[in-house]
């Protein structure tokens, strides 16, 4: 058994994007239709650029899978870039405020921002979505469901109660181009994007990811590196253009008393065979995580995406070669990528839960993982029964 991890490689206009996944046990059937579906969703959404009509992302499995089933060796996923022109693309000497352009150019001592922007581009998230969708193939074997949606674009906000059914949310988000399960809010979000486009501007928003079917105890409080809330924050916060992450009630708890925040518990024997083991909560302000570990409730993670940094009308900047005032360069870009970002967030969260699942129940094969999982739940359900017998 090895630690589940992944890396990505490739540039925005290079020949390919790659994902290398290590630590996936043997015996997991890979659903390529699922992976391709997630890749198509990432390319969609109202407000996306013309490039999405050029690229037709479809996964190519280069290693680690035989006859559709993982064999325990490293898995390489490839996505071909149709817009492959990295060597012909012109130099960019006018850094765009909000992008990695200036910091990267100084870091690598070049006046050509192209060297940085090709890797810093959100095109890299296609590889992350592929890796996360692959991880979903493992999670679904354990009844764990991950779903993301758009909570807000500009000032338009989605109204979805935390008691809502995730399956219904996933179904409803597919009814519009902004991946929002609230139809009225979705219409307002489209108008926000149109307004931004009309003024040569961009608009950001908030995405939300729910995870259900989780038993208590994934993650750890022993090492800070293994705290699951921290790993989720890193995964979501590292998505291009994200500026904040919160779990459960998040920043809203700062203005409340503890008695209004902490989720009081009950025990329902009728729910004993569910993933929560019968421990129910009267609220879910903790977002399914306490002490860096799952507590059996729905995990809720939220991330805020700033408006895209490339504006058609440009922004004031400085030319790196002349140090003279200039307007920022324009690279073909989105007006709004929040719907696509919800897909990215969903899949990076999925990968973190696959990682946590294998960290606790891992083995070299899916059968070993299943045995460990079943044994754990059996032992957890028996907690306290010996005391009652006495």
Protein backbone atom coordinates (compact mmCIF):
# COMPACT_ATOMS: atom_id res chain seq x y z
CA UNK A 1 0.00 0.00 0.00
CA UNK A 2 1.20 3.52 -0.78
CA UNK A 3 -0.15 6.96 0.10
CA UNK A 4 -2.71 8.17 -2.44
CA UNK A 5 -1.45 11.30 -4.16
CA UNK A 6 -1.45 13.01 -7.54
CA UNK A 7 0.52 15.54 -9.53
CA UNK A 8 -0.25 17.43 -12.71
CA UNK A 9 1.94 18.56 -15.60
CA UNK A 10 1.51 20.59 -18.75
CA UNK A 11 1.06 24.14 -19.96
CA UNK A 12 -2.07 25.93 -21.13
CA UNK A 13 -1.03 25.90 -24.79
CA UNK A 14 1.37 22.97 -24.61
CA UNK A 15 0.66 19.65 -26.31
CA UNK A 16 -1.02 17.92 -23.35
CA UNK A 17 -2.18 18.14 -19.75
CA UNK A 18 -1.24 15.18 -17.56
CA UNK A 19 -2.27 13.78 -14.19
CA UNK A 20 -0.14 11.17 -12.40
CA UNK A 21 -2.00 9.29 -9.66
CA UNK A 22 -0.10 7.05 -7.26
CA UNK A 23 -1.46 4.83 -4.48
CA UNK A 24 -4.76 3.74 -6.03
CA UNK A 25 -5.39 0.10 -5.01
CA UNK A 26 -5.81 -2.63 -7.55
CA UNK A 27 -9.31 -3.76 -8.44
CA UNK A 28 -11.10 -0.41 -8.89
CA UNK A 29 -13.19 -0.29 -12.06
CA UNK A 30 -12.63 3.01 -13.85
CA UNK A 31 -15.65 4.69 -15.38
CA UNK A 32 -14.23 6.72 -18.28
CA UNK A 33 -17.70 8.04 -19.11
CA UNK A 34 -17.85 9.56 -15.63
CA UNK A 35 -14.44 11.20 -16.05
CA UNK A 36 -15.33 12.58 -19.49
CA UNK A 37 -18.65 13.86 -18.13
CA UNK A 38 -16.86 15.82 -15.42
CA UNK A 39 -14.41 17.21 -17.97
CA UNK A 40 -17.30 18.39 -20.17
CA UNK A 41 -18.93 20.08 -17.19
CA UNK A 42 -15.67 21.88 -16.42
CA UNK A 43 -15.64 23.24 -19.95
CA UNK A 44 -19.23 24.43 -19.70
CA UNK A 45 -21.02 27.21 -17.88
CA UNK A 46 -22.33 30.60 -18.98
CA UNK A 47 -19.60 33.21 -19.40
CA UNK A 48 -16.84 30.91 -20.66
CA UNK A 49 -14.40 31.91 -23.41
CA UNK A 50 -14.27 30.70 -27.02
CA UNK A 51 -11.45 28.30 -26.15
CA UNK A 52 -13.96 25.88 -24.69
CA UNK A 53 -15.31 25.42 -28.22
CA UNK A 54 -11.82 24.48 -29.40
CA UNK A 55 -10.93 21.96 -26.71
CA UNK A 56 -12.89 18.72 -26.53
CA UNK A 57 -11.50 17.18 -23.37
CA UNK A 58 -11.58 13.40 -23.34
CA UNK A 59 -9.44 11.28 -21.08
CA UNK A 60 -6.73 8.98 -22.41
CA UNK A 61 -5.45 6.43 -19.88
CA UNK A 62 -1.77 5.81 -20.49
CA UNK A 63 -0.90 3.44 -17.64
CA UNK A 64 -2.07 1.75 -14.44
CA UNK A 65 -5.32 0.32 -15.82
CA UNK A 66 -5.92 -3.01 -17.58
CA UNK A 67 -9.26 -3.89 -19.13
CA UNK A 68 -10.84 -0.99 -17.29
CA UNK A 69 -9.61 -1.96 -13.82
CA UNK A 70 -6.71 -0.51 -11.82
CA UNK A 71 -3.73 -2.82 -11.32
CA UNK A 72 -1.98 -1.03 -8.45
CA UNK A 73 0.69 0.76 -10.49
CA UNK A 74 0.85 4.54 -11.12
CA UNK A 75 -1.96 5.84 -13.31
CA UNK A 76 -1.28 8.45 -15.98
CA UNK A 77 -4.18 10.39 -17.49
CA UNK A 78 -3.66 12.48 -20.61
CA UNK A 79 -5.68 15.31 -22.10
CA UNK A 80 -4.71 16.60 -25.53
CA UNK A 81 -4.65 20.37 -26.04
CA UNK A 82 -6.04 21.20 -29.46
CA UNK A 83 -4.99 24.83 -29.01
CA UNK A 84 -1.30 23.84 -28.98
CA UNK A 85 0.73 26.92 -29.84
CA UNK A 86 3.07 27.53 -26.93
CA UNK A 87 6.15 28.05 -29.14
CA UNK A 88 4.33 30.44 -31.48
CA UNK A 89 2.49 32.42 -28.78
CA UNK A 90 3.78 36.02 -28.50
CA UNK A 91 5.67 37.36 -25.51
CA UNK A 92 3.67 39.13 -22.81
CA UNK A 93 5.61 41.99 -21.22
CA UNK A 94 2.68 43.84 -19.65
CA UNK A 95 1.68 41.88 -16.51
CA UNK A 96 -2.02 41.65 -15.72
CA UNK A 97 -3.00 42.80 -12.22
CA UNK A 98 -4.42 39.87 -10.29
CA UNK A 99 -2.51 37.24 -12.27
CA UNK A 100 0.73 35.45 -11.46
CA UNK A 101 2.42 37.40 -14.28
CA UNK A 102 4.56 39.86 -12.31
CA UNK A 103 5.47 37.59 -9.40
CA UNK A 104 6.44 34.75 -11.75
CA UNK A 105 8.42 36.97 -14.09
CA UNK A 106 10.49 38.31 -11.21
CA UNK A 107 10.82 34.82 -9.69
CA UNK A 108 12.23 33.33 -12.92
CA UNK A 109 14.03 36.53 -13.96
CA UNK A 110 12.32 37.11 -17.29
CA UNK A 111 10.41 39.99 -18.84
CA UNK A 112 8.15 37.56 -20.71
CA UNK A 113 5.11 36.74 -18.57
CA UNK A 114 4.31 33.91 -20.99
CA UNK A 115 6.80 31.75 -19.07
CA UNK A 116 4.57 31.97 -15.99
CA UNK A 117 1.06 32.27 -17.34
CA UNK A 118 1.26 29.05 -19.33
CA UNK A 119 1.54 27.01 -16.14
CA UNK A 120 -0.44 29.30 -13.83
CA UNK A 121 -3.41 29.13 -16.21
CA UNK A 122 -6.66 27.54 -15.03
CA UNK A 123 -6.29 25.09 -17.92
CA UNK A 124 -4.29 23.06 -15.37
CA UNK A 125 -7.52 22.31 -13.52
CA UNK A 126 -8.60 19.95 -16.31
CA UNK A 127 -5.98 17.50 -15.04
CA UNK A 128 -7.17 17.97 -11.47
CA UNK A 129 -10.75 17.27 -12.48
CA UNK A 130 -9.62 14.08 -14.22
CA UNK A 131 -7.80 12.91 -11.09
CA UNK A 132 -10.77 13.73 -8.86
CA UNK A 133 -13.23 11.99 -11.15
CA UNK A 134 -10.99 8.92 -11.09
CA UNK A 135 -11.12 9.07 -7.28
CA UNK A 136 -14.93 9.08 -7.47
CA UNK A 137 -14.73 5.62 -9.02
CA UNK A 138 -13.38 4.45 -5.66
CA UNK A 139 -15.72 6.52 -3.49
CA UNK A 140 -18.88 5.25 -5.15
CA UNK A 141 -17.97 1.70 -4.10
CA UNK A 142 -18.46 2.90 -0.51
CA UNK A 143 -21.63 4.94 -1.08
CA UNK A 144 -19.82 8.26 -0.76
CA UNK A 145 -21.33 10.97 -2.96
CA UNK A 146 -19.70 14.32 -3.77
CA UNK A 147 -21.66 17.16 -5.37
CA UNK A 148 -20.83 20.79 -6.03
CA UNK A 149 -22.92 23.76 -7.14
CA UNK A 150 -22.78 27.52 -7.51
CA UNK A 151 -23.88 29.38 -4.40
CA UNK A 152 -23.34 32.94 -5.66
CA UNK A 153 -22.26 34.94 -8.73
CA UNK A 154 -21.80 38.66 -8.20
CA UNK A 155 -24.66 39.79 -5.99
CA UNK A 156 -27.01 36.97 -7.09
CA UNK A 157 -27.31 34.34 -4.34
CA UNK A 158 -28.63 30.79 -4.40
CA UNK A 159 -31.05 29.72 -1.67
CA UNK A 160 -30.54 26.06 -0.73
CA UNK A 161 -31.16 24.81 2.80
CA UNK A 162 -28.50 22.64 4.45
CA UNK A 163 -31.20 20.02 5.01
CA UNK A 164 -31.72 19.64 1.25
CA UNK A 165 -31.14 16.30 -0.46
CA UNK A 166 -27.84 16.15 -2.35
CA UNK A 167 -29.28 13.98 -5.12
CA UNK A 168 -31.95 16.63 -5.76
CA UNK A 169 -29.31 19.38 -5.81
CA UNK A 170 -27.24 17.46 -8.38
CA UNK A 171 -30.33 16.96 -10.53
CA UNK A 172 -31.47 20.59 -10.28
CA UNK A 173 -28.07 22.15 -11.04
CA UNK A 174 -28.11 20.51 -14.48
CA UNK A 175 -31.13 22.56 -15.55
CA UNK A 176 -29.17 25.74 -16.25
CA UNK A 177 -25.82 27.05 -17.52
CA UNK A 178 -24.59 28.32 -14.17
CA UNK A 179 -24.91 24.99 -12.28
CA UNK A 180 -27.18 26.50 -9.63
CA UNK A 181 -30.04 24.42 -8.16
CA UNK A 182 -32.14 27.55 -7.51
CA UNK A 183 -33.82 28.55 -10.84
CA UNK A 184 -34.58 32.15 -9.83
CA UNK A 185 -31.05 32.72 -8.60
CA UNK A 186 -29.67 31.10 -11.76
CA UNK A 187 -31.50 33.61 -13.95
CA UNK A 188 -30.14 36.48 -11.86
CA UNK A 189 -26.61 35.02 -12.13
CA UNK A 190 -26.84 34.99 -15.92
CA UNK A 191 -27.80 38.66 -15.84
CA UNK A 192 -24.81 39.44 -13.63
CA UNK A 193 -22.50 37.81 -16.18
CA UNK A 194 -24.13 39.66 -19.09
CA UNK A 195 -23.74 42.95 -17.23
CA UNK A 196 -20.03 42.28 -16.65
CA UNK A 197 -19.53 41.33 -20.29
CA UNK A 198 -21.22 44.51 -21.48
CA UNK A 199 -18.71 46.65 -19.63
CA UNK A 200 -15.64 44.62 -20.61
CA UNK A 201 -15.42 43.33 -17.06
CA UNK A 202 -15.48 40.03 -15.16
CA UNK A 203 -17.38 38.66 -12.16
CA UNK A 204 -16.64 36.10 -9.44
CA UNK A 205 -18.66 34.18 -6.89
CA UNK A 206 -18.94 31.35 -4.39
CA UNK A 207 -19.06 27.59 -4.97
CA UNK A 208 -20.14 24.93 -2.50
CA UNK A 209 -19.40 21.20 -2.26
CA UNK A 210 -21.33 18.63 -0.22
CA UNK A 211 -20.15 15.11 0.64
CA UNK A 212 -22.54 12.46 1.99
CA UNK A 213 -22.18 8.84 3.07
CA UNK A 214 -19.11 9.47 5.23
CA UNK A 215 -18.54 7.49 8.44
CA UNK A 216 -17.11 9.28 11.48
CA UNK A 217 -13.34 9.09 11.88
CA UNK A 218 -11.83 9.90 8.49
CA UNK A 219 -8.91 12.26 8.92
CA UNK A 220 -6.96 12.67 12.16
CA UNK A 221 -6.27 15.00 15.08
CA UNK A 222 -2.83 13.48 15.75
CA UNK A 223 -0.74 15.39 13.18
CA UNK A 224 -1.73 18.77 11.85
CA UNK A 225 -0.76 17.61 8.36
CA UNK A 226 -3.50 14.96 8.51
CA UNK A 227 -6.36 17.15 9.69
CA UNK A 228 -8.98 16.70 7.00
CA UNK A 229 -10.37 20.22 7.20
CA UNK A 230 -6.88 21.58 6.58
CA UNK A 231 -6.36 19.30 3.60
CA UNK A 232 -9.71 20.34 2.13
CA UNK A 233 -8.90 24.01 2.57
CA UNK A 234 -5.58 23.56 0.79
CA UNK A 235 -7.17 21.61 -2.06
CA UNK A 236 -9.93 24.15 -2.65
CA UNK A 237 -7.84 27.21 -1.84
CA UNK A 238 -5.22 26.20 -4.41
CA UNK A 239 -7.71 26.38 -7.28
CA UNK A 240 -6.80 29.24 -9.58
CA UNK A 241 -8.42 32.58 -8.58
CA UNK A 242 -9.74 31.26 -5.24
CA UNK A 243 -9.26 33.64 -2.33
CA UNK A 244 -11.06 32.05 0.61
CA UNK A 245 -12.37 28.73 1.93
CA UNK A 246 -14.78 27.96 4.75
CA UNK A 247 -16.33 24.82 6.21
CA UNK A 248 -19.88 24.62 7.52
CA UNK A 249 -21.02 27.96 8.90
CA UNK A 250 -17.49 29.24 8.37
CA UNK A 251 -16.84 32.93 9.01
CA UNK A 252 -20.42 33.45 10.20
CA UNK A 253 -19.65 31.78 13.54
CA UNK A 254 -17.39 34.70 14.53
CA UNK A 255 -20.39 36.79 15.50
CA UNK A 256 -22.21 34.12 17.52
CA UNK A 257 -22.04 32.55 20.97
CA UNK A 258 -20.90 28.94 21.35
CA UNK A 259 -24.38 27.85 22.38
CA UNK A 260 -25.62 29.05 18.98
CA UNK A 261 -22.86 27.34 17.01
CA UNK A 262 -22.08 23.85 18.27
CA UNK A 263 -24.21 21.04 16.88
CA UNK A 264 -26.01 19.24 19.71
CA UNK A 265 -26.24 15.46 19.45
CA UNK A 266 -28.88 12.77 19.74
CA UNK A 267 -28.80 9.02 19.19
CA UNK A 268 -31.34 7.33 16.93
CA UNK A 269 -31.12 3.52 17.00
CA UNK A 270 -33.06 3.38 13.74
CA UNK A 271 -30.07 5.12 12.08
CA UNK A 272 -27.51 2.76 13.60
CA UNK A 273 -26.78 1.08 10.25
CA UNK A 274 -26.30 4.37 8.42
CA UNK A 275 -22.83 5.90 7.94
CA UNK A 276 -23.51 8.21 10.91
CA UNK A 277 -23.81 5.08 13.14
CA UNK A 278 -26.98 6.55 14.66
CA UNK A 279 -25.43 9.75 15.99
CA UNK A 280 -27.59 12.60 14.74
CA UNK A 281 -27.22 16.38 15.04
CA UNK A 282 -29.76 19.14 15.43
CA UNK A 283 -27.72 21.38 13.12
CA UNK A 284 -24.58 21.16 10.99
CA UNK A 285 -22.66 24.35 11.65
CA UNK A 286 -19.45 22.31 11.86
CA UNK A 287 -19.92 21.23 8.26
CA UNK A 288 -19.37 17.56 9.07
CA UNK A 289 -15.86 18.02 10.49
CA UNK A 290 -14.69 18.29 14.10
CA UNK A 291 -11.07 18.10 15.25
CA UNK A 292 -9.89 17.46 11.72
CA UNK A 293 -12.11 14.37 11.36
CA UNK A 294 -15.47 13.53 9.84
CA UNK A 295 -18.29 13.26 12.37
CA UNK A 296 -20.83 11.38 10.26
CA UNK A 297 -22.71 14.43 9.04
CA UNK A 298 -22.71 15.95 5.56
CA UNK A 299 -19.43 17.72 4.87
CA UNK A 300 -19.94 21.23 3.49
CA UNK A 301 -17.03 23.14 1.95
CA UNK A 302 -17.34 26.57 0.38
CA UNK A 303 -14.84 28.57 -1.69
CA UNK A 304 -14.83 32.12 -3.02
CA UNK A 305 -13.50 32.86 -6.49
CA UNK A 306 -12.41 36.39 -7.37
CA UNK A 307 -13.39 37.91 -10.72
CA UNK A 308 -11.14 36.69 -13.55
CA UNK A 309 -8.02 38.87 -13.76
CA UNK A 310 -7.96 39.22 -17.55
CA UNK A 311 -10.28 42.09 -18.52
CA UNK A 312 -11.10 42.89 -22.13
CA UNK A 313 -10.77 46.61 -21.36
CA UNK A 314 -7.43 46.09 -19.59
CA UNK A 315 -6.06 47.60 -16.38
CA UNK A 316 -3.21 49.96 -15.64
CA UNK A 317 0.15 48.23 -15.34
CA UNK A 318 3.85 48.65 -16.19
CA UNK A 319 5.74 47.27 -19.20
CA UNK A 320 8.50 45.04 -17.80
CA UNK A 321 10.93 45.92 -20.59
CA UNK A 322 10.54 49.72 -20.55
CA UNK A 323 9.16 50.26 -17.01
CA UNK A 324 6.74 52.69 -18.64
CA UNK A 325 3.01 52.89 -17.82
CA UNK A 326 0.88 50.59 -19.97
CA UNK A 327 -2.45 48.78 -20.18
CA UNK A 328 -2.44 45.10 -19.30
CA UNK A 329 -2.23 42.55 -22.11
CA UNK A 330 -5.37 40.70 -23.16
CA UNK A 331 -5.32 36.92 -23.40
CA UNK A 332 -8.52 35.20 -24.52
CA UNK A 333 -10.36 34.65 -21.27
CA UNK A 334 -13.66 34.00 -19.52
CA UNK A 335 -16.09 36.61 -18.26
CA UNK A 336 -17.04 34.24 -15.45
CA UNK A 337 -15.67 30.79 -14.61
CA UNK A 338 -17.55 30.21 -11.35
CA UNK A 339 -19.70 27.35 -12.75
CA UNK A 340 -16.56 25.61 -14.02
CA UNK A 341 -14.85 26.27 -10.69
CA UNK A 342 -17.66 24.43 -8.91
CA UNK A 343 -16.74 21.34 -10.93
CA UNK A 344 -13.07 21.73 -10.07
CA UNK A 345 -13.86 22.18 -6.37
CA UNK A 346 -16.11 19.13 -6.40
CA UNK A 347 -13.42 16.93 -7.85
CA UNK A 348 -10.48 18.11 -5.75
CA UNK A 349 -12.65 17.51 -2.68
CA UNK A 350 -13.45 14.03 -3.99
CA UNK A 351 -9.76 13.24 -4.27
CA UNK A 352 -9.12 14.33 -0.67
CA UNK A 353 -11.83 11.99 0.59
CA UNK A 354 -10.46 9.11 -1.45
CA UNK A 355 -7.09 9.88 0.12
CA UNK A 356 -8.61 9.93 3.63
CA UNK A 357 -10.52 6.71 2.99
CA UNK A 358 -7.38 4.86 1.92
CA UNK A 359 -5.32 6.36 4.75
CA UNK A 360 -7.68 4.69 7.24
CA UNK A 361 -8.67 1.49 5.45
CA UNK A 362 -5.96 1.17 2.82
CA UNK A 363 -4.62 -2.00 1.29
CA UNK A 364 -3.07 -3.08 -1.96
CA UNK A 365 -6.43 -4.19 -3.34
CA UNK A 366 -9.99 -2.92 -3.26
CA UNK A 367 -10.98 -6.12 -1.41
CA UNK A 368 -8.61 -5.32 1.44
CA UNK A 369 -9.97 -1.78 1.67
CA UNK A 370 -13.51 -3.12 1.80
CA UNK A 371 -12.63 -5.60 4.55
CA UNK A 372 -11.04 -2.85 6.63
CA UNK A 373 -14.01 -0.55 6.10
CA UNK A 374 -16.60 -3.20 7.02
CA UNK A 375 -14.65 -4.31 10.10
CA UNK A 376 -14.37 -0.72 11.31
CA UNK A 377 -18.09 -0.02 10.97
CA UNK A 378 -18.92 -3.28 12.74
CA UNK A 379 -16.64 -2.39 15.64
CA UNK A 380 -17.92 1.20 15.77
CA UNK A 381 -21.54 0.08 15.94
CA UNK A 382 -20.66 -2.22 18.84
CA UNK A 383 -19.23 0.64 20.92
CA UNK A 384 -20.77 0.57 24.40
CA UNK A 385 -22.73 -2.65 23.89
CA UNK A 386 -20.40 -4.59 26.17
CA UNK A 387 -21.03 -2.03 28.91
CA UNK A 388 -24.78 -2.40 28.46
CA UNK A 389 -24.44 -6.18 28.74
CA UNK A 390 -22.74 -5.80 32.11
